[in-house]
Amino acid sequence: MFSDNMANLEKDIFFKKIGFEYIKYFYSIPSTMDYAKKIADKYNRAIIFSEIQTRGRGRAGRIWLSPPGGIWTTITWSIENMHMLNILSLAIGVSVIKALSNVLLLSFKLKWPNDVMFSAKKIGGILIENIFRERKVLSIIGIGLNVNNKMKFSGLSGVTSNTLRRRNRGEIINSWKKADITLGRKIIIKLSQGGIVEGKALDISNTGGLLIKDNSGRIIEVHISLYPNYSSMFQFE
């Protein structure tokens, strides 16, 4: 897909117009996330694509299979508004399903905190890691989608960059809730530092957390961590 140099040149022009300083295409690479980390000190806004990842990874270090035919990309984006960090995964999720729906004319859903769903099956995920600097954060945003990669990358990247610029917290959260399949369901959350939360998913908070009414009637807010030593996993009961 990326072998046509003229097509790549056209894409480079597009991506630079929407604010990316660095664009890199690979046929195969161990991990677009790992490559993005290597160049993180050089660019505030970069985008890396690969047709195949040989060591792709998901949340909590799990292996993410990345064969030909999917969309495997990582975006680096410098974020000055720290308050956006706790809803960043939601913002990217909303962007992804909007781009998919626009191109494929199908209905896609989201599962808190970072899964992209189609017909009750997970077809993609979002992984975010942050590099903290003095007054800003460089977010490394990995997007993996098991869909036909003939979908225009420009559509996905354009919608994502627009969402990152817009920073409208209320709009992002409302859009997520409309597509979310978690709310109203009984869930079990396993916390990586130990412990389990069981209850009913009620709502998404203004800070992007999942509000749960546990079995004792307490309302608990669970957040996606901004730090790599914490992760949350859950399953439907």
C-alpha atoms as a PDB file:
ATOM      1  CA  MET A   1       0.000   0.000   0.000  1.00  0.00           C
ATOM      2  CA  PHE A   2       2.811   2.415   0.813  1.00  0.00           C
ATOM      3  CA  SER A   3       5.072   1.457  -2.093  1.00  0.00           C
ATOM      4  CA  ASP A   4       3.752   4.102  -4.464  1.00  0.00           C
ATOM      5  CA  ASN A   5       6.109   7.039  -3.936  1.00  0.00           C
ATOM      6  CA  MET A   6       3.803   9.549  -5.585  1.00  0.00           C
ATOM      7  CA  ALA A   7       0.896   8.488  -3.378  1.00  0.00           C
ATOM      8  CA  ASN A   8       3.124   8.853  -0.331  1.00  0.00           C
ATOM      9  CA  LEU A   9       4.186  12.323  -1.442  1.00  0.00           C
ATOM     10  CA  GLU A  10       0.536  13.360  -1.731  1.00  0.00           C
ATOM     11  CA  LYS A  11      -0.114  12.007   1.757  1.00  0.00           C
ATOM     12  CA  ASP A  12       2.916  13.865   3.123  1.00  0.00           C
ATOM     13  CA  ILE A  13       1.531  17.143   1.806  1.00  0.00           C
ATOM     14  CA  PHE A  14      -1.845  16.443   3.391  1.00  0.00           C
ATOM     15  CA  PHE A  15      -0.415  15.471   6.773  1.00  0.00           C
ATOM     16  CA  LYS A  16       1.827  18.530   6.892  1.00  0.00           C
ATOM     17  CA  LYS A  17      -1.164  20.725   6.127  1.00  0.00           C
ATOM     18  CA  ILE A  18      -2.952  19.368   9.203  1.00  0.00           C
ATOM     19  CA  GLY A  19       0.037  20.006  11.439  1.00  0.00           C
ATOM     20  CA  PHE A  20       2.332  16.958  11.373  1.00  0.00           C
ATOM     21  CA  GLU A  21       6.054  17.728  11.249  1.00  0.00           C
ATOM     22  CA  TYR A  22       7.225  14.198  10.506  1.00  0.00           C
ATOM     23  CA  ILE A  23       5.602  11.387   8.524  1.00  0.00           C
ATOM     24  CA  LYS A  24       7.100   7.906   8.189  1.00  0.00           C
ATOM     25  CA  TYR A  25       5.848   4.810   6.332  1.00  0.00           C
ATOM     26  CA  PHE A  26       7.034   1.239   6.804  1.00  0.00           C
ATOM     27  CA  TYR A  27       6.054  -2.017   5.198  1.00  0.00           C
ATOM     28  CA  SER A  28       7.084  -3.871   8.367  1.00  0.00           C
ATOM     29  CA  ILE A  29       8.347  -2.685  11.740  1.00  0.00           C
ATOM     30  CA  PRO A  30       8.464  -4.265  15.207  1.00  0.00           C
ATOM     31  CA  SER A  31       6.267  -1.550  16.750  1.00  0.00           C
ATOM     32  CA  THR A  32       5.133   1.893  15.615  1.00  0.00           C
ATOM     33  CA  MET A  33       4.852   2.864  19.295  1.00  0.00           C
ATOM     34  CA  ASP A  34       8.480   1.989  19.966  1.00  0.00           C
ATOM     35  CA  TYR A  35       9.618   3.866  16.869  1.00  0.00           C
ATOM     36  CA  ALA A  36       7.612   6.916  17.952  1.00  0.00           C
ATOM     37  CA  LYS A  37       9.382   6.888  21.322  1.00  0.00           C
ATOM     38  CA  LYS A  38      12.764   6.955  19.569  1.00  0.00           C
ATOM     39  CA  ILE A  39      11.916  10.153  17.709  1.00  0.00           C
ATOM     40  CA  ALA A  40       9.923  11.775  20.528  1.00  0.00           C
ATOM     41  CA  ASP A  41      12.672  14.287  21.379  1.00  0.00           C
ATOM     42  CA  LYS A  42      12.817  15.577  17.811  1.00  0.00           C
ATOM     43  CA  TYR A  43       9.173  16.210  16.906  1.00  0.00           C
ATOM     44  CA  ASN A  44       6.085  17.518  18.691  1.00  0.00           C
ATOM     45  CA  ARG A  45       3.714  16.126  16.064  1.00  0.00           C
ATOM     46  CA  ALA A  46       4.610  12.999  14.126  1.00  0.00           C
ATOM     47  CA  ILE A  47       2.725  10.123  12.518  1.00  0.00           C
ATOM     48  CA  ILE A  48       4.083   6.646  11.785  1.00  0.00           C
ATOM     49  CA  PHE A  49       2.362   3.977   9.685  1.00  0.00           C
ATOM     50  CA  SER A  50       3.199   0.351   9.030  1.00  0.00           C
ATOM     51  CA  GLU A  51       1.460  -2.363   7.051  1.00  0.00           C
ATOM     52  CA  ILE A  52       2.736  -5.002   9.498  1.00  0.00           C
ATOM     53  CA  GLN A  53       3.947  -4.946  13.095  1.00  0.00           C
ATOM     54  CA  THR A  54       6.005  -7.910  14.254  1.00  0.00           C
ATOM     55  CA  ARG A  55       5.931  -6.942  17.943  1.00  0.00           C
ATOM     56  CA  GLY A  56       2.813  -4.836  18.263  1.00  0.00           C
ATOM     57  CA  ARG A  57       1.540  -4.461  21.801  1.00  0.00           C
ATOM     58  CA  GLY A  58      -1.645  -3.553  23.587  1.00  0.00           C
ATOM     59  CA  ARG A  59      -2.529  -2.465  27.077  1.00  0.00           C
ATOM     60  CA  ALA A  60      -0.543  -3.932  29.996  1.00  0.00           C
ATOM     61  CA  GLY A  61       2.118  -5.194  27.572  1.00  0.00           C
ATOM     62  CA  ARG A  62      -0.112  -7.736  25.844  1.00  0.00           C
ATOM     63  CA  ILE A  63       0.831  -8.838  22.351  1.00  0.00           C
ATOM     64  CA  TRP A  64      -1.312  -7.250  19.645  1.00  0.00           C
ATOM     65  CA  LEU A  65      -1.360  -9.217  16.398  1.00  0.00           C
ATOM     66  CA  SER A  66      -0.767  -6.842  13.500  1.00  0.00           C
ATOM     67  CA  PRO A  67      -0.951  -8.742  10.188  1.00  0.00           C
ATOM     68  CA  PRO A  68      -1.255  -7.216   6.716  1.00  0.00           C
ATOM     69  CA  GLY A  69      -4.669  -5.752   6.052  1.00  0.00           C
ATOM     70  CA  GLY A  70      -5.038  -3.717   9.224  1.00  0.00           C
ATOM     71  CA  ILE A  71      -4.310  -0.131  10.191  1.00  0.00           C
ATOM     72  CA  TRP A  72      -1.307   0.180  12.501  1.00  0.00           C
ATOM     73  CA  THR A  73      -0.330   3.736  13.300  1.00  0.00           C
ATOM     74  CA  THR A  74       1.114   5.880  16.068  1.00  0.00           C
ATOM     75  CA  ILE A  75       0.688   9.619  16.473  1.00  0.00           C
ATOM     76  CA  THR A  76       2.816  11.816  18.726  1.00  0.00           C
ATOM     77  CA  TRP A  77       1.117  15.019  19.829  1.00  0.00           C
ATOM     78  CA  SER A  78       2.358  17.696  22.199  1.00  0.00           C
ATOM     79  CA  ILE A  79      -0.368  18.593  24.693  1.00  0.00           C
ATOM     80  CA  GLU A  80      -0.171  21.775  26.744  1.00  0.00           C
ATOM     81  CA  ASN A  81      -3.603  21.474  28.353  1.00  0.00           C
ATOM     82  CA  MET A  82      -2.976  18.875  31.075  1.00  0.00           C
ATOM     83  CA  HIS A  83      -6.713  18.603  31.762  1.00  0.00           C
ATOM     84  CA  MET A  84      -7.146  16.935  28.364  1.00  0.00           C
ATOM     85  CA  LEU A  85      -4.997  13.957  29.357  1.00  0.00           C
ATOM     86  CA  ASN A  86      -7.650  12.087  31.319  1.00  0.00           C
ATOM     87  CA  ILE A  87     -10.099  12.171  28.402  1.00  0.00           C
ATOM     88  CA  LEU A  88      -7.534  11.701  25.643  1.00  0.00           C
ATOM     89  CA  SER A  89      -8.352   8.030  25.121  1.00  0.00           C
ATOM     90  CA  LEU A  90     -12.038   8.942  24.821  1.00  0.00           C
ATOM     91  CA  ALA A  91     -11.245  11.700  22.327  1.00  0.00           C
ATOM     92  CA  ILE A  92      -9.238   9.342  20.135  1.00  0.00           C
ATOM     93  CA  GLY A  93     -11.913   6.648  20.344  1.00  0.00           C
ATOM     94  CA  VAL A  94     -14.575   9.101  19.192  1.00  0.00           C
ATOM     95  CA  SER A  95     -12.315  10.204  16.308  1.00  0.00           C
ATOM     96  CA  VAL A  96     -11.634   6.642  15.195  1.00  0.00           C
ATOM     97  CA  ILE A  97     -15.254   5.510  14.979  1.00  0.00           C
ATOM     98  CA  LYS A  98     -16.235   8.762  13.260  1.00  0.00           C
ATOM     99  CA  ALA A  99     -13.607   8.200  10.574  1.00  0.00           C
ATOM    100  CA  LEU A 100     -14.536   4.521  10.183  1.00  0.00           C
ATOM    101  CA  SER A 101     -18.238   5.296   9.930  1.00  0.00           C
ATOM    102  CA  ASN A 102     -17.663   8.071   7.391  1.00  0.00           C
ATOM    103  CA  VAL A 103     -15.652   5.807   5.085  1.00  0.00           C
ATOM    104  CA  LEU A 104     -17.285   2.400   5.560  1.00  0.00           C
ATOM    105  CA  LEU A 105     -20.863   3.587   6.183  1.00  0.00           C
ATOM    106  CA  LEU A 106     -21.237   1.141   9.074  1.00  0.00           C
ATOM    107  CA  SER A 107     -22.020   1.581  12.764  1.00  0.00           C
ATOM    108  CA  PHE A 108     -19.104   1.209  15.172  1.00  0.00           C
ATOM    109  CA  LYS A 109     -19.213   1.257  18.981  1.00  0.00           C
ATOM    110  CA  LEU A 110     -16.824   1.894  21.855  1.00  0.00           C
ATOM    111  CA  LYS A 111     -16.110  -0.053  25.019  1.00  0.00           C
ATOM    112  CA  TRP A 112     -14.589   1.856  27.905  1.00  0.00           C
ATOM    113  CA  PRO A 113     -11.756   2.591  28.176  1.00  0.00           C
ATOM    114  CA  ASN A 114     -10.102   2.025  24.795  1.00  0.00           C
ATOM    115  CA  ASP A 115     -11.732  -0.637  22.590  1.00  0.00           C
ATOM    116  CA  VAL A 116     -13.297  -0.179  19.154  1.00  0.00           C
ATOM    117  CA  MET A 117     -16.187  -2.571  18.527  1.00  0.00           C
ATOM    118  CA  PHE A 118     -18.179  -3.814  15.542  1.00  0.00           C
ATOM    119  CA  SER A 119     -21.050  -6.311  15.803  1.00  0.00           C
ATOM    120  CA  ALA A 120     -20.150  -6.963  19.460  1.00  0.00           C
ATOM    121  CA  LYS A 121     -16.571  -7.897  18.529  1.00  0.00           C
ATOM    122  CA  LYS A 122     -13.393  -5.983  19.254  1.00  0.00           C
ATOM    123  CA  ILE A 123     -11.796  -4.835  16.009  1.00  0.00           C
ATOM    124  CA  GLY A 124      -9.338  -2.339  17.395  1.00  0.00           C
ATOM    125  CA  GLY A 125      -7.770  -0.644  20.343  1.00  0.00           C
ATOM    126  CA  ILE A 126      -6.077   2.536  21.482  1.00  0.00           C
ATOM    127  CA  LEU A 127      -2.899   2.656  23.550  1.00  0.00           C
ATOM    128  CA  ILE A 128      -1.626   5.933  24.994  1.00  0.00           C
ATOM    129  CA  GLU A 129       1.673   6.546  26.747  1.00  0.00           C
ATOM    130  CA  ASN A 130       2.849   9.952  27.924  1.00  0.00           C
ATOM    131  CA  ILE A 131       6.240  11.608  28.170  1.00  0.00           C
ATOM    132  CA  PHE A 132       6.062  14.378  30.760  1.00  0.00           C
ATOM    133  CA  ARG A 133       7.993  17.569  30.142  1.00  0.00           C
ATOM    134  CA  GLU A 134       8.183  20.847  32.067  1.00  0.00           C
ATOM    135  CA  ARG A 135       4.961  22.525  30.971  1.00  0.00           C
ATOM    136  CA  LYS A 136       3.556  20.085  28.472  1.00  0.00           C
ATOM    137  CA  VAL A 137       3.161  16.404  27.742  1.00  0.00           C
ATOM    138  CA  LEU A 138       4.026  14.495  24.599  1.00  0.00           C
ATOM    139  CA  SER A 139       1.338  11.863  24.136  1.00  0.00           C
ATOM    140  CA  ILE A 140       2.223   8.787  22.103  1.00  0.00           C
ATOM    141  CA  ILE A 141      -1.064   7.503  20.691  1.00  0.00           C
ATOM    142  CA  GLY A 142      -1.156   4.029  19.186  1.00  0.00           C
ATOM    143  CA  ILE A 143      -4.155   3.013  17.061  1.00  0.00           C
ATOM    144  CA  GLY A 144      -4.577  -0.556  15.864  1.00  0.00           C
ATOM    145  CA  LEU A 145      -7.536  -1.581  13.712  1.00  0.00           C
ATOM    146  CA  ASN A 146      -8.284  -4.972  12.197  1.00  0.00           C
ATOM    147  CA  VAL A 147     -10.064  -3.491   9.198  1.00  0.00           C
ATOM    148  CA  ASN A 148      -9.279  -3.311   5.520  1.00  0.00           C
ATOM    149  CA  ASN A 149      -6.434  -0.834   5.212  1.00  0.00           C
ATOM    150  CA  LYS A 150      -7.740   0.488   1.894  1.00  0.00           C
ATOM    151  CA  MET A 151      -9.577   2.937   4.113  1.00  0.00           C
ATOM    152  CA  LYS A 152      -8.026   6.366   3.620  1.00  0.00           C
ATOM    153  CA  PHE A 153      -5.464   7.075   6.336  1.00  0.00           C
ATOM    154  CA  SER A 154      -5.980  10.781   5.696  1.00  0.00           C
ATOM    155  CA  GLY A 155      -9.565  10.456   6.931  1.00  0.00           C
ATOM    156  CA  LEU A 156      -8.531   8.837  10.208  1.00  0.00           C
ATOM    157  CA  SER A 157      -5.632  11.207  10.823  1.00  0.00           C
ATOM    158  CA  GLY A 158      -7.539  14.318   9.825  1.00  0.00           C
ATOM    159  CA  VAL A 159     -10.440  13.616  12.178  1.00  0.00           C
ATOM    160  CA  THR A 160      -8.033  12.727  14.996  1.00  0.00           C
ATOM    161  CA  SER A 161      -6.011  15.938  14.639  1.00  0.00           C
ATOM    162  CA  ASN A 162      -9.201  18.004  14.536  1.00  0.00           C
ATOM    163  CA  THR A 163     -10.397  16.390  17.762  1.00  0.00           C
ATOM    164  CA  LEU A 164      -7.078  17.045  19.483  1.00  0.00           C
ATOM    165  CA  ARG A 165      -7.227  20.690  18.469  1.00  0.00           C
ATOM    166  CA  ARG A 166     -10.871  21.208  19.404  1.00  0.00           C
ATOM    167  CA  ARG A 167     -10.475  20.235  23.083  1.00  0.00           C
ATOM    168  CA  ASN A 168     -14.207  20.423  23.750  1.00  0.00           C
ATOM    169  CA  ARG A 169     -14.500  18.176  26.779  1.00  0.00           C
ATOM    170  CA  GLY A 170     -18.303  18.082  26.906  1.00  0.00           C
ATOM    171  CA  GLU A 171     -18.636  17.270  23.216  1.00  0.00           C
ATOM    172  CA  ILE A 172     -16.068  14.479  23.444  1.00  0.00           C
ATOM    173  CA  ILE A 173     -17.686  12.856  26.479  1.00  0.00           C
ATOM    174  CA  ASN A 174     -21.203  13.101  25.026  1.00  0.00           C
ATOM    175  CA  SER A 175     -20.036  11.585  21.730  1.00  0.00           C
ATOM    176  CA  TRP A 176     -18.372   8.728  23.612  1.00  0.00           C
ATOM    177  CA  LYS A 177     -21.494   8.009  25.668  1.00  0.00           C
ATOM    178  CA  LYS A 178     -23.643   7.786  22.524  1.00  0.00           C
ATOM    179  CA  ALA A 179     -21.384   5.040  21.162  1.00  0.00           C
ATOM    180  CA  ASP A 180     -20.505   3.283  24.429  1.00  0.00           C
ATOM    181  CA  ILE A 181     -21.637  -0.322  25.015  1.00  0.00           C
ATOM    182  CA  THR A 182     -20.429  -0.436  28.629  1.00  0.00           C
ATOM    183  CA  LEU A 183     -23.000   1.816  30.291  1.00  0.00           C
ATOM    184  CA  GLY A 184     -25.907   0.045  31.932  1.00  0.00           C
ATOM    185  CA  ARG A 185     -24.069  -3.280  32.047  1.00  0.00           C
ATOM    186  CA  LYS A 186     -22.843  -5.276  35.017  1.00  0.00           C
ATOM    187  CA  ILE A 187     -19.072  -5.380  34.947  1.00  0.00           C
ATOM    188  CA  ILE A 188     -16.069  -6.696  36.820  1.00  0.00           C
ATOM    189  CA  ILE A 189     -12.964  -4.512  36.899  1.00  0.00           C
ATOM    190  CA  LYS A 190      -9.635  -6.027  37.829  1.00  0.00           C
ATOM    191  CA  LEU A 191      -7.207  -3.418  39.106  1.00  0.00           C
ATOM    192  CA  SER A 192      -3.560  -4.119  38.370  1.00  0.00           C
ATOM    193  CA  GLN A 193      -2.436  -2.972  41.819  1.00  0.00           C
ATOM    194  CA  GLY A 194      -4.749  -5.569  43.311  1.00  0.00           C
ATOM    195  CA  GLY A 195      -8.437  -5.737  44.039  1.00  0.00           C
ATOM    196  CA  ILE A 196     -11.642  -6.120  42.090  1.00  0.00           C
ATOM    197  CA  VAL A 197     -14.573  -3.762  41.609  1.00  0.00           C
ATOM    198  CA  GLU A 198     -17.933  -5.298  40.747  1.00  0.00           C
ATOM    199  CA  GLY A 199     -21.082  -3.406  39.936  1.00  0.00           C
ATOM    200  CA  LYS A 200     -23.113  -1.614  37.295  1.00  0.00           C
ATOM    201  CA  ALA A 201     -21.575   0.922  34.893  1.00  0.00           C
ATOM    202  CA  LEU A 202     -23.627   4.096  35.314  1.00  0.00           C
ATOM    203  CA  ASP A 203     -21.969   6.940  33.433  1.00  0.00           C
ATOM    204  CA  ILE A 204     -18.813   8.622  32.180  1.00  0.00           C
ATOM    205  CA  SER A 205     -17.662  11.435  34.450  1.00  0.00           C
ATOM    206  CA  ASN A 206     -16.558  14.888  33.311  1.00  0.00           C
ATOM    207  CA  THR A 207     -12.973  13.743  33.795  1.00  0.00           C
ATOM    208  CA  GLY A 208     -13.383  10.648  31.624  1.00  0.00           C
ATOM    209  CA  GLY A 209     -13.704   8.131  34.435  1.00  0.00           C
ATOM    210  CA  LEU A 210     -16.202   5.284  34.540  1.00  0.00           C
ATOM    211  CA  LEU A 211     -18.795   5.721  37.294  1.00  0.00           C
ATOM    212  CA  ILE A 212     -19.787   2.389  38.833  1.00  0.00           C
ATOM    213  CA  LYS A 213     -22.367   1.530  41.460  1.00  0.00           C
ATOM    214  CA  ASP A 214     -20.761  -1.343  43.313  1.00  0.00           C
ATOM    215  CA  ASN A 215     -22.552  -4.225  45.007  1.00  0.00           C
ATOM    216  CA  SER A 216     -22.745  -2.306  48.285  1.00  0.00           C
ATOM    217  CA  GLY A 217     -24.394   0.691  46.641  1.00  0.00           C
ATOM    218  CA  ARG A 218     -21.340   2.957  46.648  1.00  0.00           C
ATOM    219  CA  ILE A 219     -20.548   5.073  43.570  1.00  0.00           C
ATOM    220  CA  ILE A 220     -16.937   4.524  42.497  1.00  0.00           C
ATOM    221  CA  GLU A 221     -15.051   6.359  39.778  1.00  0.00           C
ATOM    222  CA  VAL A 222     -12.398   4.363  37.924  1.00  0.00           C
ATOM    223  CA  HIS A 223      -9.891   6.138  35.684  1.00  0.00           C
ATOM    224  CA  ILE A 224      -7.536   5.111  32.945  1.00  0.00           C
ATOM    225  CA  SER A 225      -4.141   5.782  34.431  1.00  0.00           C
ATOM    226  CA  LEU A 226      -1.823   8.348  32.901  1.00  0.00           C
ATOM    227  CA  TYR A 227       1.127   6.336  34.182  1.00  0.00           C
ATOM    228  CA  PRO A 228       2.555   3.109  32.747  1.00  0.00           C
ATOM    229  CA  ASN A 229       2.646   1.208  36.069  1.00  0.00           C
ATOM    230  CA  TYR A 230      -1.154   1.038  36.348  1.00  0.00           C
ATOM    231  CA  SER A 231      -3.799  -0.460  34.125  1.00  0.00           C
ATOM    232  CA  SER A 232      -7.431  -1.457  34.407  1.00  0.00           C
ATOM    233  CA  MET A 233      -9.103  -4.427  32.770  1.00  0.00           C
ATOM    234  CA  PHE A 234     -12.708  -5.410  32.825  1.00  0.00           C
ATOM    235  CA  GLN A 235     -15.117  -7.928  31.457  1.00  0.00           C
ATOM    236  CA  PHE A 236     -18.869  -8.025  31.152  1.00  0.00           C
ATOM    237  CA  GLU A 237     -20.610 -10.277  33.634  1.00  0.00           C
END
